[in-house]
């Protein structure tokens, strides 16, 4: 590890843009990965149980409503 302890204020504009872009990319990738696992997990469970749904969009709406109801019940 380097002994360079430069702060964000000491970076030039290009380094700041690269740092912020990398952090945003990591956050978006991790959230997308987690939601993708849940989405395809529901698709797999529904396939094993024989549950039929009209489209992948309807499954997405179900997963989103499932999350919203889960958040509301956890807060209550």
PDB file of N, CA and C in Angstrom:
ATOM      1  N   UNK A   1       0.832  -1.169   0.000  1.00  0.00           N
ATOM      2  CA  UNK A   1       0.000   0.000   0.000  1.00  0.00           C
ATOM      3  C   UNK A   1       0.879   1.234   0.000  1.00  0.00           C
ATOM      4  N   UNK A   2       0.477   2.219  -0.676  1.00  0.00           N
ATOM      5  CA  UNK A   2       1.239   3.447  -0.837  1.00  0.00           C
ATOM      6  C   UNK A   2       1.083   4.350   0.384  1.00  0.00           C
ATOM      7  N   UNK A   3       2.098   5.176   0.610  1.00  0.00           N
ATOM      8  CA  UNK A   3       2.035   6.143   1.705  1.00  0.00           C
ATOM      9  C   UNK A   3       1.383   7.443   1.272  1.00  0.00           C
ATOM     10  N   UNK A   4       0.855   7.486   0.048  1.00  0.00           N
ATOM     11  CA  UNK A   4       0.209   8.691  -0.479  1.00  0.00           C
ATOM     12  C   UNK A   4      -1.195   8.799   0.110  1.00  0.00           C
ATOM     13  N   UNK A   5      -1.397   9.749   1.006  1.00  0.00           N
ATOM     14  CA  UNK A   5      -2.683   9.937   1.670  1.00  0.00           C
ATOM     15  C   UNK A   5      -3.392  11.164   1.127  1.00  0.00           C
ATOM     16  N   UNK A   6      -3.475  11.276  -0.194  1.00  0.00           N
ATOM     17  CA  UNK A   6      -4.129  12.447  -0.781  1.00  0.00           C
ATOM     18  C   UNK A   6      -5.634  12.335  -0.596  1.00  0.00           C
ATOM     19  N   UNK A   7      -6.230  13.458  -0.288  1.00  0.00           N
ATOM     20  CA  UNK A   7      -7.671  13.474  -0.088  1.00  0.00           C
ATOM     21  C   UNK A   7      -8.368  13.805  -1.401  1.00  0.00           C
ATOM     22  N   UNK A   8      -9.680  13.745  -1.357  1.00  0.00           N
ATOM     23  CA  UNK A   8     -10.474  14.038  -2.549  1.00  0.00           C
ATOM     24  C   UNK A   8     -10.280  15.486  -2.978  1.00  0.00           C
ATOM     25  N   UNK A   9     -10.067  16.383  -2.033  1.00  0.00           N
ATOM     26  CA  UNK A   9      -9.864  17.804  -2.353  1.00  0.00           C
ATOM     27  C   UNK A   9      -8.583  18.043  -3.131  1.00  0.00           C
ATOM     28  N   UNK A  10      -7.583  17.193  -2.917  1.00  0.00           N
ATOM     29  CA  UNK A  10      -6.294  17.380  -3.576  1.00  0.00           C
ATOM     30  C   UNK A  10      -6.256  16.804  -4.987  1.00  0.00           C
ATOM     31  N   UNK A  11      -7.282  16.088  -5.398  1.00  0.00           N
ATOM     32  CA  UNK A  11      -7.313  15.494  -6.739  1.00  0.00           C
ATOM     33  C   UNK A  11      -7.661  16.546  -7.785  1.00  0.00           C
ATOM     34  N   UNK A  12      -7.163  16.306  -9.014  1.00  0.00           N
ATOM     35  CA  UNK A  12      -7.574  17.199 -10.095  1.00  0.00           C
ATOM     36  C   UNK A  12      -8.926  16.739 -10.632  1.00  0.00           C
ATOM     37  N   UNK A  13      -9.475  17.465 -11.594  1.00  0.00           N
ATOM     38  CA  UNK A  13     -10.837  17.210 -12.074  1.00  0.00           C
ATOM     39  C   UNK A  13     -10.985  15.817 -12.675  1.00  0.00           C
ATOM     40  N   UNK A  14     -10.017  15.383 -13.453  1.00  0.00           N
ATOM     41  CA  UNK A  14     -10.118  14.070 -14.105  1.00  0.00           C
ATOM     42  C   UNK A  14     -10.113  12.953 -13.060  1.00  0.00           C
ATOM     43  N   UNK A  15      -9.268  13.069 -12.055  1.00  0.00           N
ATOM     44  CA  UNK A  15      -9.229  12.051 -11.002  1.00  0.00           C
ATOM     45  C   UNK A  15     -10.528  12.017 -10.208  1.00  0.00           C
ATOM     46  N   UNK A  16     -11.120  13.183  -9.974  1.00  0.00           N
ATOM     47  CA  UNK A  16     -12.403  13.233  -9.265  1.00  0.00           C
ATOM     48  C   UNK A  16     -13.501  12.574 -10.076  1.00  0.00           C
ATOM     49  N   UNK A  17     -13.538  12.857 -11.379  1.00  0.00           N
ATOM     50  CA  UNK A  17     -14.558  12.262 -12.247  1.00  0.00           C
ATOM     51  C   UNK A  17     -14.394  10.750 -12.285  1.00  0.00           C
ATOM     52  N   UNK A  18     -13.168  10.273 -12.384  1.00  0.00           N
ATOM     53  CA  UNK A  18     -12.920   8.831 -12.418  1.00  0.00           C
ATOM     54  C   UNK A  18     -13.331   8.183 -11.094  1.00  0.00           C
ATOM     55  N   UNK A  19     -13.006   8.816  -9.977  1.00  0.00           N
ATOM     56  CA  UNK A  19     -13.352   8.255  -8.667  1.00  0.00           C
ATOM     57  C   UNK A  19     -14.863   8.194  -8.470  1.00  0.00           C
ATOM     58  N   UNK A  20     -15.559   9.275  -8.788  1.00  0.00           N
ATOM     59  CA  UNK A  20     -17.015   9.306  -8.615  1.00  0.00           C
ATOM     60  C   UNK A  20     -17.686   8.328  -9.567  1.00  0.00           C
ATOM     61  N   UNK A  21     -17.214   8.259 -10.808  1.00  0.00           N
ATOM     62  CA  UNK A  21     -17.784   7.325 -11.781  1.00  0.00           C
ATOM     63  C   UNK A  21     -17.581   5.878 -11.338  1.00  0.00           C
ATOM     64  N   UNK A  22     -16.419   5.563 -10.811  1.00  0.00           N
ATOM     65  CA  UNK A  22     -16.153   4.200 -10.346  1.00  0.00           C
ATOM     66  C   UNK A  22     -17.052   3.831  -9.170  1.00  0.00           C
ATOM     67  N   UNK A  23     -17.248   4.755  -8.247  1.00  0.00           N
ATOM     68  CA  UNK A  23     -18.110   4.481  -7.091  1.00  0.00           C
ATOM     69  C   UNK A  23     -19.557   4.292  -7.533  1.00  0.00           C
ATOM     70  N   UNK A  24     -20.034   5.155  -8.430  1.00  0.00           N
ATOM     71  CA  UNK A  24     -21.407   5.025  -8.939  1.00  0.00           C
ATOM     72  C   UNK A  24     -21.574   3.706  -9.677  1.00  0.00           C
ATOM     73  N   UNK A  25     -20.585   3.323 -10.492  1.00  0.00           N
ATOM     74  CA  UNK A  25     -20.650   2.057 -11.220  1.00  0.00           C
ATOM     75  C   UNK A  25     -20.715   0.879 -10.258  1.00  0.00           C
ATOM     76  N   UNK A  26     -19.911   0.897  -9.205  1.00  0.00           N
ATOM     77  CA  UNK A  26     -19.930  -0.199  -8.233  1.00  0.00           C
ATOM     78  C   UNK A  26     -21.275  -0.304  -7.525  1.00  0.00           C
ATOM     79  N   UNK A  27     -21.855   0.839  -7.167  1.00  0.00           N
ATOM     80  CA  UNK A  27     -23.154   0.829  -6.495  1.00  0.00           C
ATOM     81  C   UNK A  27     -24.236   0.300  -7.428  1.00  0.00           C
ATOM     82  N   UNK A  28     -24.272   0.802  -8.667  1.00  0.00           N
ATOM     83  CA  UNK A  28     -25.289   0.362  -9.629  1.00  0.00           C
ATOM     84  C   UNK A  28     -25.114  -1.120  -9.946  1.00  0.00           C
ATOM     85  N   UNK A  29     -23.884  -1.570 -10.128  1.00  0.00           N
ATOM     86  CA  UNK A  29     -23.637  -2.975 -10.438  1.00  0.00           C
ATOM     87  C   UNK A  29     -24.067  -3.880  -9.290  1.00  0.00           C
ATOM     88  N   UNK A  30     -23.742  -3.504  -8.061  1.00  0.00           N
ATOM     89  CA  UNK A  30     -24.095  -4.371  -6.931  1.00  0.00           C
ATOM     90  C   UNK A  30     -25.603  -4.432  -6.715  1.00  0.00           C
ATOM     91  N   UNK A  31     -26.296  -3.303  -6.856  1.00  0.00           N
ATOM     92  CA  UNK A  31     -27.757  -3.308  -6.715  1.00  0.00           C
ATOM     93  C   UNK A  31     -28.394  -4.103  -7.849  1.00  0.00           C
ATOM     94  N   UNK A  32     -27.908  -3.920  -9.077  1.00  0.00           N
ATOM     95  CA  UNK A  32     -28.452  -4.666 -10.216  1.00  0.00           C
ATOM     96  C   UNK A  32     -28.208  -6.161 -10.064  1.00  0.00           C
ATOM     97  N   UNK A  33     -27.050  -6.530  -9.574  1.00  0.00           N
ATOM     98  CA  UNK A  33     -26.733  -7.942  -9.378  1.00  0.00           C
ATOM     99  C   UNK A  33     -27.656  -8.574  -8.342  1.00  0.00           C
ATOM    100  N   UNK A  34     -27.859  -7.877  -7.227  1.00  0.00           N
ATOM    101  CA  UNK A  34     -28.730  -8.407  -6.175  1.00  0.00           C
ATOM    102  C   UNK A  34     -30.171  -8.520  -6.658  1.00  0.00           C
ATOM    103  N   UNK A  35     -30.672  -7.492  -7.336  1.00  0.00           N
ATOM    104  CA  UNK A  35     -32.044  -7.549  -7.852  1.00  0.00           C
ATOM    105  C   UNK A  35     -32.186  -8.598  -8.949  1.00  0.00           C
ATOM    106  N   UNK A  36     -31.155  -8.786  -9.749  1.00  0.00           N
ATOM    107  CA  UNK A  36     -31.187  -9.822 -10.778  1.00  0.00           C
ATOM    108  C   UNK A  36     -31.256 -11.216 -10.188  1.00  0.00           C
ATOM    109  N   UNK A  37     -30.524 -11.429  -9.108  1.00  0.00           N
ATOM    110  CA  UNK A  37     -30.577 -12.731  -8.433  1.00  0.00           C
ATOM    111  C   UNK A  37     -31.977 -12.992  -7.894  1.00  0.00           C
ATOM    112  N   UNK A  38     -32.587 -11.981  -7.277  1.00  0.00           N
ATOM    113  CA  UNK A  38     -33.939 -12.150  -6.744  1.00  0.00           C
ATOM    114  C   UNK A  38     -34.930 -12.388  -7.874  1.00  0.00           C
ATOM    115  N   UNK A  39     -34.820 -11.605  -8.958  1.00  0.00           N
ATOM    116  CA  UNK A  39     -35.745 -11.724 -10.087  1.00  0.00           C
ATOM    117  C   UNK A  39     -35.673 -13.125 -10.696  1.00  0.00           C
ATOM    118  N   UNK A  40     -34.469 -13.576 -11.018  1.00  0.00           N
ATOM    119  CA  UNK A  40     -34.345 -14.894 -11.631  1.00  0.00           C
ATOM    120  C   UNK A  40     -34.571 -16.012 -10.619  1.00  0.00           C
ATOM    121  N   UNK A  41     -34.384 -15.716  -9.339  1.00  0.00           N
ATOM    122  CA  UNK A  41     -34.743 -16.688  -8.309  1.00  0.00           C
ATOM    123  C   UNK A  41     -36.238 -16.925  -8.269  1.00  0.00           C
ATOM    124  N   UNK A  42     -37.013 -15.831  -8.329  1.00  0.00           N
ATOM    125  CA  UNK A  42     -38.468 -15.976  -8.402  1.00  0.00           C
ATOM    126  C   UNK A  42     -38.874 -16.704  -9.680  1.00  0.00           C
ATOM    127  N   UNK A  43     -38.232 -16.382 -10.795  1.00  0.00           N
ATOM    128  CA  UNK A  43     -38.563 -17.059 -12.057  1.00  0.00           C
ATOM    129  C   UNK A  43     -38.286 -18.554 -11.949  1.00  0.00           C
ATOM    130  N   UNK A  44     -37.188 -18.928 -11.311  1.00  0.00           N
ATOM    131  CA  UNK A  44     -36.862 -20.338 -11.143  1.00  0.00           C
ATOM    132  C   UNK A  44     -37.816 -21.054 -10.210  1.00  0.00           C
ATOM    133  N   UNK A  45     -38.148 -20.410  -9.096  1.00  0.00           N
ATOM    134  CA  UNK A  45     -39.091 -21.021  -8.149  1.00  0.00           C
ATOM    135  C   UNK A  45     -40.460 -21.185  -8.791  1.00  0.00           C
ATOM    136  N   UNK A  46     -40.909 -20.150  -9.513  1.00  0.00           N
ATOM    137  CA  UNK A  46     -42.202 -20.250 -10.191  1.00  0.00           C
ATOM    138  C   UNK A  46     -42.181 -21.342 -11.250  1.00  0.00           C
ATOM    139  N   UNK A  47     -41.066 -21.508 -11.928  1.00  0.00           N
ATOM    140  CA  UNK A  47     -40.961 -22.564 -12.934  1.00  0.00           C
ATOM    141  C   UNK A  47     -41.031 -23.945 -12.279  1.00  0.00           C
ATOM    142  N   UNK A  48     -40.355 -24.106 -11.156  1.00  0.00           N
ATOM    143  CA  UNK A  48     -40.388 -25.393 -10.454  1.00  0.00           C
ATOM    144  C   UNK A  48     -41.763 -25.711  -9.896  1.00  0.00           C
ATOM    145  N   UNK A  49     -42.477 -24.675  -9.450  1.00  0.00           N
ATOM    146  CA  UNK A  49     -43.800 -24.885  -8.874  1.00  0.00           C
ATOM    147  C   UNK A  49     -44.909 -24.900  -9.917  1.00  0.00           C
ATOM    148  N   UNK A  50     -44.580 -24.603 -11.156  1.00  0.00           N
ATOM    149  CA  UNK A  50     -45.579 -24.619 -12.218  1.00  0.00           C
ATOM    150  C   UNK A  50     -46.438 -23.373 -12.287  1.00  0.00           C
ATOM    151  N   UNK A  51     -45.989 -22.285 -11.677  1.00  0.00           N
ATOM    152  CA  UNK A  51     -46.747 -21.032 -11.714  1.00  0.00           C
ATOM    153  C   UNK A  51     -46.533 -20.384 -13.076  1.00  0.00           C
ATOM    154  N   UNK A  52     -47.605 -19.973 -13.715  1.00  0.00           N
ATOM    155  CA  UNK A  52     -47.528 -19.334 -15.029  1.00  0.00           C
ATOM    156  C   UNK A  52     -47.722 -17.836 -14.883  1.00  0.00           C
ATOM    157  N   UNK A  53     -46.952 -17.070 -15.620  1.00  0.00           N
ATOM    158  CA  UNK A  53     -47.114 -15.620 -15.664  1.00  0.00           C
ATOM    159  C   UNK A  53     -47.064 -15.187 -17.121  1.00  0.00           C
ATOM    160  N   UNK A  54     -47.707 -14.060 -17.422  1.00  0.00           N
ATOM    161  CA  UNK A  54     -47.889 -13.638 -18.811  1.00  0.00           C
ATOM    162  C   UNK A  54     -46.583 -13.232 -19.488  1.00  0.00           C
ATOM    163  N   UNK A  55     -45.768 -12.477 -18.791  1.00  0.00           N
ATOM    164  CA  UNK A  55     -44.529 -11.990 -19.396  1.00  0.00           C
ATOM    165  C   UNK A  55     -43.497 -11.755 -18.302  1.00  0.00           C
ATOM    166  N   UNK A  56     -42.281 -11.488 -18.723  1.00  0.00           N
ATOM    167  CA  UNK A  56     -41.249 -11.157 -17.755  1.00  0.00           C
ATOM    168  C   UNK A  56     -41.540  -9.816 -17.092  1.00  0.00           C
ATOM    169  N   UNK A  57     -42.251  -8.943 -17.792  1.00  0.00           N
ATOM    170  CA  UNK A  57     -42.636  -7.650 -17.228  1.00  0.00           C
ATOM    171  C   UNK A  57     -43.614  -7.835 -16.067  1.00  0.00           C
ATOM    172  N   UNK A  58     -44.550  -8.763 -16.210  1.00  0.00           N
ATOM    173  CA  UNK A  58     -45.490  -9.017 -15.112  1.00  0.00           C
ATOM    174  C   UNK A  58     -44.764  -9.618 -13.907  1.00  0.00           C
ATOM    175  N   UNK A  59     -43.748 -10.432 -14.158  1.00  0.00           N
ATOM    176  CA  UNK A  59     -42.939 -10.958 -13.060  1.00  0.00           C
ATOM    177  C   UNK A  59     -42.159  -9.831 -12.385  1.00  0.00           C
ATOM    178  N   UNK A  60     -41.661  -8.882 -13.166  1.00  0.00           N
ATOM    179  CA  UNK A  60     -40.954  -7.732 -12.604  1.00  0.00           C
ATOM    180  C   UNK A  60     -41.875  -6.899 -11.725  1.00  0.00           C
ATOM    181  N   UNK A  61     -43.103  -6.675 -12.169  1.00  0.00           N
ATOM    182  CA  UNK A  61     -44.076  -5.930 -11.363  1.00  0.00           C
ATOM    183  C   UNK A  61     -44.355  -6.677 -10.062  1.00  0.00           C
ATOM    184  N   UNK A  62     -44.489  -7.998 -10.129  1.00  0.00           N
ATOM    185  CA  UNK A  62     -44.715  -8.790  -8.923  1.00  0.00           C
ATOM    186  C   UNK A  62     -43.559  -8.641  -7.943  1.00  0.00           C
ATOM    187  N   UNK A  63     -42.335  -8.727  -8.445  1.00  0.00           N
ATOM    188  CA  UNK A  63     -41.168  -8.619  -7.568  1.00  0.00           C
ATOM    189  C   UNK A  63     -41.102  -7.228  -6.940  1.00  0.00           C
ATOM    190  N   UNK A  64     -41.382  -6.182  -7.707  1.00  0.00           N
ATOM    191  CA  UNK A  64     -41.362  -4.822  -7.160  1.00  0.00           C
ATOM    192  C   UNK A  64     -42.440  -4.630  -6.097  1.00  0.00           C
ATOM    193  N   UNK A  65     -43.651  -5.132  -6.356  1.00  0.00           N
ATOM    194  CA  UNK A  65     -44.722  -5.035  -5.360  1.00  0.00           C
ATOM    195  C   UNK A  65     -44.364  -5.851  -4.120  1.00  0.00           C
ATOM    196  N   UNK A  66     -43.744  -6.995  -4.318  1.00  0.00           N
ATOM    197  CA  UNK A  66     -43.293  -7.827  -3.203  1.00  0.00           C
ATOM    198  C   UNK A  66     -42.313  -7.060  -2.317  1.00  0.00           C
ATOM    199  N   UNK A  67     -41.363  -6.360  -2.951  1.00  0.00           N
ATOM    200  CA  UNK A  67     -40.413  -5.546  -2.189  1.00  0.00           C
ATOM    201  C   UNK A  67     -41.098  -4.402  -1.460  1.00  0.00           C
ATOM    202  N   UNK A  68     -42.010  -3.703  -2.122  1.00  0.00           N
ATOM    203  CA  UNK A  68     -42.700  -2.566  -1.505  1.00  0.00           C
ATOM    204  C   UNK A  68     -43.507  -3.022  -0.298  1.00  0.00           C
ATOM    205  N   UNK A  69     -44.262  -4.107  -0.455  1.00  0.00           N
ATOM    206  CA  UNK A  69     -45.051  -4.633   0.666  1.00  0.00           C
ATOM    207  C   UNK A  69     -44.124  -5.107   1.786  1.00  0.00           C
ATOM    208  N   UNK A  70     -43.018  -5.724   1.434  1.00  0.00           N
ATOM    209  CA  UNK A  70     -42.066  -6.172   2.445  1.00  0.00           C
ATOM    210  C   UNK A  70     -41.458  -5.022   3.224  1.00  0.00           C
ATOM    211  N   UNK A  71     -41.126  -3.943   2.541  1.00  0.00           N
ATOM    212  CA  UNK A  71     -40.564  -2.769   3.222  1.00  0.00           C
ATOM    213  C   UNK A  71     -41.598  -2.144   4.144  1.00  0.00           C
ATOM    214  N   UNK A  72     -42.842  -2.032   3.671  1.00  0.00           N
ATOM    215  CA  UNK A  72     -43.902  -1.437   4.493  1.00  0.00           C
ATOM    216  C   UNK A  72     -44.154  -2.279   5.737  1.00  0.00           C
ATOM    217  N   UNK A  73     -44.206  -3.598   5.586  1.00  0.00           N
ATOM    218  CA  UNK A  73     -44.471  -4.450   6.747  1.00  0.00           C
ATOM    219  C   UNK A  73     -43.280  -4.489   7.701  1.00  0.00           C
ATOM    220  N   UNK A  74     -42.062  -4.345   7.201  1.00  0.00           N
ATOM    221  CA  UNK A  74     -40.908  -4.299   8.092  1.00  0.00           C
ATOM    222  C   UNK A  74     -40.871  -3.011   8.895  1.00  0.00           C
ATOM    223  N   UNK A  75     -41.317  -1.920   8.309  1.00  0.00           N
ATOM    224  CA  UNK A  75     -41.314  -0.643   9.016  1.00  0.00           C
ATOM    225  C   UNK A  75     -42.444  -0.544  10.028  1.00  0.00           C
ATOM    226  N   UNK A  76     -43.524  -1.297   9.788  1.00  0.00           N
ATOM    227  CA  UNK A  76     -44.711  -1.199  10.641  1.00  0.00           C
ATOM    228  C   UNK A  76     -44.671  -2.013  11.859  1.00  0.00           C
TER     229      UNK A  76
END
